[in-house]
Protein backbone atom coordinates (compact mmCIF):
# COMPACT_ATOMS: atom_id res chain seq x y z
CA ARG A 1 -14.05 34.01 -30.26
CA LEU A 2 -15.71 30.71 -29.31
CA SER A 3 -19.22 30.63 -27.96
CA PRO A 4 -19.48 29.80 -24.23
CA ARG A 5 -20.73 26.29 -25.03
CA ASP A 6 -17.88 25.60 -27.48
CA ARG A 7 -15.37 27.04 -25.01
CA THR A 8 -16.64 24.59 -22.39
CA LEU A 9 -16.06 21.69 -24.78
CA LEU A 10 -12.57 22.87 -25.67
CA GLU A 11 -11.64 23.33 -22.01
CA ALA A 12 -12.86 19.79 -21.24
CA TRP A 13 -10.72 18.32 -24.02
CA ALA A 14 -7.67 20.39 -23.07
CA GLY A 15 -8.01 19.85 -19.32
CA PRO A 16 -7.38 22.35 -16.52
CA ARG A 17 -3.59 21.88 -16.62
CA TYR A 18 -3.18 22.65 -20.32
CA PRO A 19 -0.64 22.67 -21.93
CA GLU A 20 0.34 19.92 -19.48
CA THR A 21 -1.80 16.79 -19.36
CA SER A 22 -4.49 16.57 -16.69
CA GLY A 23 -5.83 13.67 -14.68
CA TRP A 24 -8.87 11.82 -15.96
CA ALA A 25 -10.78 12.78 -12.81
CA GLU A 26 -10.11 16.42 -13.66
CA HIS A 27 -11.28 15.91 -17.24
CA LEU A 28 -14.41 14.15 -15.98
CA ARG A 29 -15.45 17.14 -13.86
CA MET A 30 -15.12 19.37 -16.90
CA TRP A 31 -17.06 16.99 -19.15
CA GLU A 32 -19.90 16.99 -16.65
CA LEU A 33 -19.92 20.78 -16.89
CA ALA A 34 -19.93 20.47 -20.67
CA ILE A 35 -23.01 18.23 -20.48
CA GLU A 36 -24.79 20.94 -18.49
CA ALA A 37 -23.71 23.62 -20.97
CA ALA A 38 -24.48 21.67 -24.16
CA PRO A 39 -26.68 18.63 -23.43
CA GLU A 40 -27.54 18.30 -27.11
CA ARG A 41 -23.89 17.62 -28.08
CA PRO A 42 -22.88 13.92 -28.16
CA GLU A 43 -19.17 14.51 -27.43
CA PRO A 44 -19.39 15.25 -23.68
CA TRP A 45 -21.73 12.31 -23.13
CA TYR A 46 -19.29 10.00 -24.89
CA GLU A 47 -16.10 11.40 -23.33
CA SER A 48 -17.46 11.23 -19.78
CA GLY A 49 -18.69 7.68 -20.44
CA ASP A 50 -15.26 6.75 -21.76
CA ILE A 51 -13.63 7.88 -18.52
CA TYR A 52 -16.10 5.89 -16.42
CA PHE A 53 -15.57 2.85 -18.63
CA HIS A 54 -11.77 2.82 -18.51
CA TYR A 55 -10.98 4.45 -15.17
CA GLY A 56 -14.09 4.20 -13.01
CA SER A 57 -12.50 1.77 -10.55
CA LEU A 58 -9.58 4.16 -10.04
CA LEU A 59 -12.06 6.96 -9.34
CA GLY A 60 -13.71 4.87 -6.62
CA VAL A 61 -16.98 4.59 -8.57
CA THR A 62 -19.00 1.46 -7.78
CA ASP A 63 -21.61 1.67 -10.57
CA LEU A 64 -19.09 2.64 -13.23
CA LEU A 65 -20.43 0.35 -15.97
CA ASP A 66 -23.98 1.63 -15.51
CA ARG A 67 -22.79 5.22 -15.67
CA ALA A 68 -20.71 4.51 -18.76
CA GLU A 69 -23.58 2.73 -20.47
CA ALA A 70 -26.04 5.57 -19.85
CA ARG A 71 -23.67 8.10 -21.37
CA PHE A 72 -22.81 5.95 -24.38
CA LEU A 73 -26.48 5.36 -25.09
CA ARG A 74 -27.22 9.08 -24.88
CA ALA A 75 -24.31 9.95 -27.20
CA SER A 76 -25.51 7.36 -29.70
CA GLU A 77 -29.08 8.67 -29.55
CA LEU A 78 -27.86 12.20 -30.24
CA ASP A 79 -25.72 11.09 -33.19
CA PRO A 80 -26.49 7.62 -34.62
CA THR A 81 -23.46 7.91 -36.94
CA PHE A 82 -21.03 8.32 -33.99
CA ALA A 83 -19.23 4.96 -33.97
CA ALA A 84 -17.17 5.22 -30.78
CA PRO A 85 -20.02 4.95 -28.22
CA VAL A 86 -21.55 2.04 -30.15
CA GLY A 87 -18.23 0.20 -30.01
CA HIS A 88 -18.04 0.65 -26.26
CA LEU A 89 -21.65 -0.47 -25.87
CA LEU A 90 -20.67 -3.69 -27.64
CA GLU A 91 -17.77 -4.10 -25.20
CA LEU A 92 -20.06 -3.49 -22.22
CA ALA A 93 -22.47 -6.13 -23.52
CA ALA A 94 -19.54 -8.54 -23.86
CA ILE A 95 -18.41 -7.87 -20.27
CA ARG A 96 -21.94 -8.56 -19.02
CA GLY A 97 -22.51 -11.62 -21.20
CA ASP A 98 -25.49 -9.96 -22.89
CA THR A 99 -25.61 -11.96 -26.14
CA ALA A 100 -28.58 -10.05 -27.57
CA GLY A 101 -26.81 -6.75 -26.88
CA ILE A 102 -23.59 -8.01 -28.47
CA ARG A 103 -25.39 -8.94 -31.69
CA SER A 104 -27.37 -5.72 -31.78
CA PHE A 105 -24.40 -3.42 -31.21
CA ARG A 106 -22.18 -5.41 -33.58
CA GLU A 107 -24.72 -4.82 -36.32
CA ALA A 108 -25.07 -1.14 -35.39
CA TYR A 109 -21.31 -0.62 -35.40
CA ALA A 110 -20.85 -2.33 -38.76
CA ALA A 111 -23.47 0.02 -40.20
CA VAL A 112 -21.47 3.14 -39.27
CA ASP A 113 -17.80 2.03 -39.29
CA SER A 114 -17.22 -1.29 -41.04
CA ALA A 115 -13.71 -0.38 -42.22
CA GLY A 116 -12.25 1.64 -39.32
CA GLU A 117 -8.94 0.76 -37.68
CA THR A 118 -10.66 -0.96 -34.74
CA ALA A 119 -13.56 -2.58 -36.64
CA SER A 120 -11.74 -5.92 -36.80
CA TYR A 121 -11.05 -5.80 -33.07
CA LEU A 122 -14.76 -5.34 -32.31
CA GLU A 123 -15.67 -8.24 -34.62
CA TRP A 124 -13.17 -10.33 -32.67
CA ARG A 125 -14.57 -9.13 -29.33
CA ALA A 126 -18.08 -10.14 -30.36
CA ALA A 127 -16.96 -13.54 -31.65
CA ILE A 128 -15.06 -14.31 -28.44
CA ALA A 129 -17.98 -13.26 -26.22
CA LEU A 130 -20.50 -15.25 -28.26
CA GLY A 131 -18.31 -18.34 -28.46
CA ASP A 132 -18.53 -18.11 -32.25
CA GLU A 133 -15.71 -20.46 -33.27
CA ALA A 134 -16.44 -20.25 -36.99
CA GLY A 135 -16.51 -16.48 -36.87
CA LEU A 136 -13.29 -16.43 -34.84
CA GLU A 137 -11.55 -18.68 -37.35
CA ALA A 138 -12.61 -16.36 -40.17
CA ILE A 139 -11.20 -13.38 -38.23
CA HIS A 140 -7.90 -15.21 -37.70
CA GLU A 141 -7.56 -15.56 -41.47
CA THR A 142 -7.61 -11.76 -41.76
CA TYR A 143 -4.75 -11.22 -39.28
CA PRO A 144 -2.06 -10.79 -41.97
CA ARG A 145 -4.06 -7.84 -43.36
CA MET A 146 -5.56 -6.54 -40.10
CA ASP A 147 -4.82 -3.00 -38.94
CA GLY A 148 -2.14 -2.89 -36.25
CA ALA A 149 -4.50 -0.93 -33.98
CA SER A 150 -6.93 -3.86 -33.91
CA LEU A 151 -4.16 -6.43 -33.33
CA ASN A 152 -2.80 -4.38 -30.43
CA ARG A 153 -6.25 -4.13 -28.84
CA ILE A 154 -6.84 -7.85 -29.24
CA MET A 155 -3.48 -8.54 -27.60
CA GLY A 156 -4.37 -6.31 -24.63
CA ILE A 157 -8.00 -7.29 -24.11
CA ALA A 158 -7.17 -11.00 -24.32
CA GLN A 159 -5.03 -10.48 -21.20
CA LEU A 160 -7.63 -8.43 -19.33
CA TYR A 161 -10.76 -10.52 -19.78
CA ASP A 162 -10.42 -13.86 -21.49
CA THR A 163 -9.65 -17.29 -20.08
CA THR A 164 -6.78 -18.13 -22.39
CA LEU A 165 -3.72 -16.33 -23.67
CA ALA A 166 -3.91 -18.05 -27.04
CA GLU A 167 -5.65 -15.09 -28.69
CA ALA A 168 -3.10 -12.60 -27.36
CA GLU A 169 -0.21 -14.75 -28.54
CA ILE A 170 -1.72 -15.16 -32.01
CA ALA A 171 -2.19 -11.41 -32.38
CA ALA A 172 1.35 -10.81 -31.09
CA SER A 173 2.83 -13.20 -33.66
CA PHE A 174 1.47 -10.99 -36.46
CA LEU A 175 2.21 -7.67 -34.74
CA THR A 176 5.85 -8.55 -34.02
CA HIS A 177 6.92 -8.27 -37.65
CA ARG A 178 4.85 -5.21 -38.59
CA THR A 179 6.43 -2.01 -39.83
CA GLY A 180 4.70 1.27 -39.11
CA THR A 181 5.18 4.85 -38.03
CA THR A 182 7.34 5.68 -35.04
CA THR A 183 4.23 6.26 -32.92
CA GLU A 184 2.74 2.94 -33.99
CA ARG A 185 5.96 1.08 -33.28
CA ARG A 186 6.12 2.62 -29.81
CA GLU A 187 2.63 1.36 -29.02
CA TRP A 188 3.25 -2.06 -30.52
CA LEU A 189 6.58 -2.59 -28.77
CA LEU A 190 5.16 -1.52 -25.42
CA GLY A 191 2.17 -3.83 -25.93
CA LEU A 192 4.41 -6.77 -26.81
CA HIS A 193 6.62 -5.93 -23.81
CA SER A 194 3.57 -6.02 -21.51
CA LEU A 195 2.55 -9.43 -22.86
CA ALA A 196 6.05 -10.79 -22.32
CA LEU A 197 6.39 -9.62 -18.70
CA ASN A 198 2.85 -10.65 -17.78
CA GLY A 199 3.80 -14.05 -19.16
CA GLY A 200 6.92 -14.29 -17.01
CA ARG A 201 9.31 -13.85 -19.94
CA PRO A 202 11.80 -11.17 -18.82
CA GLN A 203 14.43 -12.00 -21.46
CA GLU A 204 11.90 -11.55 -24.24
CA ALA A 205 10.79 -8.27 -22.66
CA LEU A 206 14.42 -7.13 -22.44
CA ARG A 207 14.94 -7.69 -26.18
CA LEU A 208 11.83 -5.63 -26.91
CA ILE A 209 13.03 -2.74 -24.74
CA GLN A 210 16.38 -2.82 -26.52
CA ASP A 211 14.40 -2.23 -29.73
CA TRP A 212 12.58 0.59 -27.92
CA THR A 213 15.73 2.73 -28.01
CA GLU A 214 15.02 3.34 -31.71
CA VAL A 215 11.63 4.94 -31.02
CA GLU A 216 11.79 6.43 -27.51
CA GLU A 217 10.68 10.04 -27.27
CA SER A 218 12.60 10.94 -24.12
CA PRO A 219 16.34 10.23 -23.62
CA GLY A 220 16.83 7.36 -21.18
CA GLU A 221 13.21 6.16 -21.30
CA SER A 222 14.23 2.58 -22.11
CA LEU A 223 16.65 2.58 -19.16
CA ARG A 224 13.96 3.89 -16.82
CA ILE A 225 11.57 1.18 -18.00
CA LEU A 226 14.20 -1.45 -17.15
CA LEU A 227 14.40 -0.19 -13.56
CA LEU A 228 10.63 -0.13 -13.10
CA ASP A 229 10.35 -3.59 -14.65
CA ALA A 230 12.81 -5.00 -12.15
CA LEU A 231 11.22 -3.24 -9.17
CA TYR A 232 7.57 -3.98 -9.88
CA TRP A 233 7.18 -6.51 -12.69
CA ASP A 234 9.67 -9.41 -12.49
CA GLY A 235 11.94 -7.74 -15.05
CA ASP A 236 15.59 -8.64 -15.59
CA ARG A 237 17.52 -7.49 -12.53
CA GLY A 238 20.96 -7.64 -14.14
CA ALA A 239 19.85 -5.33 -16.93
CA ALA A 240 18.33 -2.95 -14.38
CA GLU A 241 21.55 -2.84 -12.34
CA GLN A 242 23.47 -1.89 -15.46
CA ALA A 243 20.88 0.77 -16.29
CA VAL A 244 21.15 2.29 -12.80
CA GLY A 245 24.77 3.18 -13.36
CA LEU A 246 23.92 5.01 -16.57
CA LEU A 247 20.99 6.87 -15.05
CA GLU A 248 22.63 7.87 -11.75
CA SER A 249 25.19 10.17 -13.34
CA ARG A 250 22.41 12.05 -15.13
CA ALA A 251 20.08 12.10 -12.14
CA ASP A 252 22.75 13.49 -9.81
CA ALA A 253 24.04 16.15 -12.24
CA PRO A 254 23.08 19.83 -11.89
CA LEU A 255 19.52 20.43 -13.01
CA ALA A 256 19.24 20.91 -16.75
CA PRO A 257 17.66 23.98 -18.36
CA ALA A 258 13.88 24.06 -18.71
CA GLY A 259 12.33 21.99 -21.46
CA GLY A 260 12.89 18.46 -22.69
CA PRO A 261 16.32 17.92 -21.06
CA ARG A 262 14.98 18.91 -17.64
CA GLU A 263 11.88 16.73 -18.02
CA ALA A 264 14.08 13.75 -18.89
CA GLN A 265 16.36 14.44 -15.93
CA LEU A 266 13.44 14.69 -13.51
CA ALA A 267 12.18 11.37 -14.88
CA ASP A 268 15.66 9.91 -14.25
CA ILE A 269 15.59 11.22 -10.66
CA CYS A 270 12.14 9.70 -10.20
CA VAL A 271 13.15 6.13 -11.03
CA VAL A 272 16.69 6.27 -9.62
CA GLU A 273 15.35 7.36 -6.23
CA GLN A 274 12.77 4.58 -6.32
CA TRP A 275 15.55 2.09 -6.95
CA ARG A 276 17.72 3.50 -4.16
CA LEU A 277 14.91 3.72 -1.63
CA TRP A 278 13.63 0.20 -2.26
CA HIS A 279 17.23 -0.89 -1.63
CA GLY A 280 17.45 1.10 1.62
CA ASP A 281 19.59 3.96 0.31
CA THR A 282 18.16 7.26 1.63
CA SER A 283 21.30 9.35 1.07
CA THR A 284 20.04 11.45 -1.85
CA ALA A 285 16.25 11.33 -1.40
CA ARG A 286 15.87 14.67 0.39
CA THR A 287 18.09 16.46 -2.11
CA SER A 288 15.96 15.06 -4.91
CA LEU A 289 12.76 16.11 -3.15
CA ASP A 290 14.15 19.63 -2.75
CA ARG A 291 14.72 19.78 -6.51
CA PHE A 292 11.07 19.00 -7.17
CA ARG A 293 9.89 21.40 -4.45
CA ASP A 294 12.06 24.25 -5.71
CA LEU A 295 10.47 23.92 -9.14
CA ASP A 296 6.99 23.61 -7.68
CA ALA A 297 7.43 26.93 -5.84
CA ARG A 298 8.00 28.79 -9.10
CA THR A 299 5.37 30.14 -11.41
CA ALA A 300 4.26 28.47 -14.65
CA PRO A 301 5.57 27.25 -17.02
CA GLU A 302 8.21 25.86 -14.66
CA SER A 303 5.81 24.45 -12.09
CA LEU A 304 5.49 20.68 -11.87
CA SER A 305 3.35 18.61 -14.18
CA LEU A 306 0.98 16.09 -12.63
CA ARG A 307 3.40 13.31 -13.51
CA GLN A 308 6.21 15.14 -11.71
CA GLU A 309 3.96 15.72 -8.71
CA VAL A 310 3.40 11.97 -8.59
CA CYS A 311 7.16 11.46 -8.79
CA ALA A 312 7.78 13.72 -5.81
CA ALA A 313 5.00 12.07 -3.79
CA THR A 314 6.38 8.63 -4.68
CA ILE A 315 9.85 9.55 -3.40
CA GLU A 316 8.37 11.04 -0.20
CA ALA A 317 6.28 7.91 0.43
CA LEU A 318 9.21 5.56 -0.14
CA LEU A 319 11.42 7.71 2.09
CA ALA A 320 8.83 7.44 4.87
CA ARG A 321 8.83 3.67 4.36
CA ALA A 322 12.63 3.45 4.44
CA GLU A 323 12.75 5.51 7.64
CA ASP A 324 10.03 3.29 9.13
CA ARG A 325 7.72 6.24 9.72
CA SER A 326 4.09 5.37 10.43
CA ASP A 327 3.04 8.95 9.58
CA ALA A 328 0.37 8.60 6.90
CA ASP A 329 0.74 12.08 5.35
CA ALA A 330 3.11 10.96 2.60
CA ILE A 331 0.92 8.01 1.62
CA GLN A 332 -2.22 10.15 1.69
CA ARG A 333 -0.58 12.69 -0.62
CA LEU A 334 0.37 9.96 -3.08
CA GLU A 335 -3.13 8.49 -2.95
CA GLU A 336 -4.73 11.89 -3.54
CA LEU A 337 -2.71 12.27 -6.72
CA LEU A 338 -3.47 8.72 -7.86
CA PHE A 339 -7.18 9.37 -7.40
CA LEU A 340 -6.82 12.14 -10.00
CA VAL A 341 -5.97 9.24 -12.38
CA PRO A 342 -3.03 10.76 -14.28
CA ASN A 343 -3.09 10.33 -18.03
CA VAL A 344 -0.30 7.81 -18.61
CA GLU A 345 1.54 8.72 -21.80
CA THR A 346 4.96 7.08 -21.41
CA GLY A 347 6.37 3.67 -20.61
CA ASP A 348 8.10 4.98 -17.49
CA ASP A 349 5.19 6.87 -15.92
CA PRO A 350 5.22 6.42 -12.10
CA SER A 351 1.43 6.63 -11.83
CA LEU A 352 1.00 2.94 -12.67
CA VAL A 353 3.24 1.75 -9.81
CA GLY A 354 2.02 4.08 -7.05
CA SER A 355 -0.59 1.58 -5.88
CA PHE A 356 2.16 -0.96 -5.09
CA ILE A 357 3.73 1.55 -2.72
CA VAL A 358 0.38 2.36 -1.09
CA ALA A 359 -0.41 -1.35 -0.67
CA ASP A 360 3.02 -2.10 0.80
CA TRP A 361 2.66 0.69 3.37
CA ARG A 362 -0.89 -0.25 4.33
CA GLU A 363 0.01 -3.92 4.75
CA ALA A 364 2.95 -2.93 6.95
CA GLN A 365 0.48 -1.00 9.12
CA GLY A 366 -1.75 -4.08 9.40
CA ASP A 367 -4.40 -2.61 7.09
CA ILE A 368 -4.97 -5.60 4.81
CA PRO A 369 -8.31 -4.34 3.40
CA GLY A 370 -6.66 -1.03 2.51
CA ALA A 371 -3.76 -2.79 0.82
CA LEU A 372 -6.19 -5.01 -1.10
CA ALA A 373 -8.22 -2.01 -2.24
CA ALA A 374 -5.03 -0.44 -3.63
CA MET A 375 -4.24 -3.61 -5.59
CA ARG A 376 -7.67 -3.58 -7.19
CA ARG A 377 -7.14 -0.15 -8.70
CA TRP A 378 -5.88 -0.90 -12.20
CA HIS A 379 -6.99 0.44 -15.57
CA ASN A 380 -9.73 -1.20 -17.60
CA HIS A 381 -7.81 -0.35 -20.75
CA TRP A 382 -6.32 -2.49 -23.52
CA PHE A 383 -3.02 -0.56 -23.42
CA THR A 384 -2.36 0.78 -19.92
CA GLY A 385 -4.42 -1.85 -18.10
CA VAL A 386 -2.04 -4.68 -19.01
CA ARG A 387 1.04 -2.89 -17.69
CA TYR A 388 2.13 -4.56 -14.40
CA LEU A 389 -1.05 -6.67 -14.58
CA SER A 390 0.59 -9.91 -13.45
CA THR A 391 1.96 -8.16 -10.34
CA TYR A 392 -1.41 -6.60 -9.58
CA LEU A 393 -3.12 -9.99 -9.84
CA ARG A 394 -0.53 -11.91 -7.82
CA GLU A 395 -0.65 -9.36 -5.03
CA GLU A 396 -4.44 -9.14 -5.18
CA GLY A 397 -4.66 -12.92 -4.80
CA ARG A 398 -2.26 -12.96 -1.85
CA LEU A 399 -3.96 -10.06 -0.05
CA ALA A 400 -7.48 -11.35 -0.73
CA ASP A 401 -6.42 -14.65 0.82
CA LEU A 402 -5.09 -12.81 3.90
CA ALA A 403 -8.35 -10.85 4.10
CA GLY A 404 -10.41 -14.04 4.02
CA GLU A 405 -11.91 -13.23 0.62
CA GLN A 406 -11.30 -16.68 -0.79
CA GLU A 407 -13.40 -16.50 -3.94
CA GLU A 408 -11.73 -13.24 -4.94
CA ALA A 409 -8.32 -14.75 -4.19
CA ILE A 410 -9.08 -17.77 -6.35
CA GLN A 411 -10.24 -15.56 -9.22
CA ALA A 412 -7.09 -13.41 -9.05
CA TYR A 413 -4.77 -16.43 -8.92
CA ARG A 414 -6.54 -18.07 -11.84
CA HIS A 415 -6.15 -14.91 -13.91
CA TYR A 416 -2.49 -14.67 -12.89
CA LEU A 417 -1.84 -18.28 -13.87
CA MET A 418 -3.59 -17.74 -17.18
CA LEU A 419 -1.01 -15.06 -17.92
CA ARG A 420 1.86 -17.22 -16.63
CA SER A 421 0.96 -20.36 -18.57
CA ASP A 422 4.36 -20.58 -20.32
CA PRO A 423 7.03 -18.62 -18.43
CA GLU A 424 10.77 -18.61 -18.99
CA PRO A 425 12.70 -21.16 -16.84
CA GLU A 426 13.43 -18.80 -13.93
CA TRP A 427 9.69 -18.25 -13.34
CA ILE A 428 8.50 -21.85 -13.64
CA ALA A 429 8.89 -22.47 -9.88
CA ASP A 430 6.80 -19.38 -9.12
CA ARG A 431 4.09 -20.55 -11.51
CA ASP A 432 4.06 -24.03 -9.96
CA SER A 433 3.90 -22.72 -6.38
CA SER A 434 1.03 -20.44 -7.37
CA ARG A 435 -0.77 -23.40 -8.92
CA ALA A 436 -0.32 -25.37 -5.71
CA ARG A 437 -1.63 -22.47 -3.65
CA LEU A 438 -4.66 -22.13 -5.92
CA SER A 439 -5.39 -25.85 -5.65
CA LEU A 440 -5.33 -25.67 -1.85
CA MET A 441 -7.68 -22.67 -1.83
CA ALA A 442 -10.04 -24.40 -4.25
CA GLY A 443 -10.02 -27.60 -2.16
CA GLN A 444 -8.27 -29.66 -4.83
CA ASP A 445 -5.21 -31.87 -4.74
CA PRO A 446 -2.08 -29.94 -5.69
CA PRO A 447 -0.80 -30.68 -9.22
CA GLY A 448 1.90 -33.32 -9.41
């Protein structure tokens, strides 16, 4: 009973894979159609701008900030009371160092949403960008009362953009002891876990994931996170090896009935096969691939979700690597799915680690620029963008150095070392060797 224009908006929000989640690239195409159908509505202008802002680099867009800005401005013009585009315009001004824009959009945002859950975060973002130490000190005094959503954003953005981790650590110290809803605790624990692993603190991260068992939505999610942490993010290897034993029995069991149990089992298969293949064990990979393919051949609702498609492509790509196949089909399939930019909703989503596999394969083929491009494809997002960030930056620095892009290598290593300023003992040697490497690249004497 919806009008055609309203139907277009609903379809853009739902995505083409509804009731499954769609990729952000798929949503973007539909939002562009919604702009054509209802150019007077602010929502499609904002939503398309939001995708460019957070995921433009993953879409391969070079002028992503300009595109995002144009859409946010149009949404704000159409509805001056719409706070979300104004908030992002403030963030864009901060990224560009536009002090006049920061002040203007801070004032505009305060006029429409001075008490929202992210209002304090945006005040903090403006103060940091303007170098307003007095304003920042005043904001710090509000941390005990600040909404958890703002603290979590501060913790994430401080890792993505700023030159010191102090702000992230301060926010984390207040967020650690917060009580909230199950959904809030999931977000907070995962944010604190990201900060710990980016900082080279695997034991702290392990304690946080042990707390995760109280709030996980899918059985075994905490175990799957432990495996991915160890494979791609300097996580505790002993804990991962223990988790493998628990997950293998479930992954290798007969396929569960459709619904939640099957989804959890397919997620188990996804990470267990990654673990096995990275360790050279190819014995079960083809059987696991057949399980995904058999489901994919059926009709909805039992066809694969985008996340499960990424899982299957990840296993196929790692199998090709383990068998030392130079055939690019498996890698191209994985890349095609990653360019859809899957909507990451869980802590164990394989979409955030696919670029590591692509980069590894391309480097093995001698394609250093291709490997480097893969390592530069991470989210500009306070929550998902910080996951695996230290690994992305370390690999980006190494590959940029190999590619002769010294300034880019220096920038990546500096960002990495900012995150690793105070690691646990087992990662101190890595931090120090990275510091020495950075000093050599910058033409300075290595630190004593």
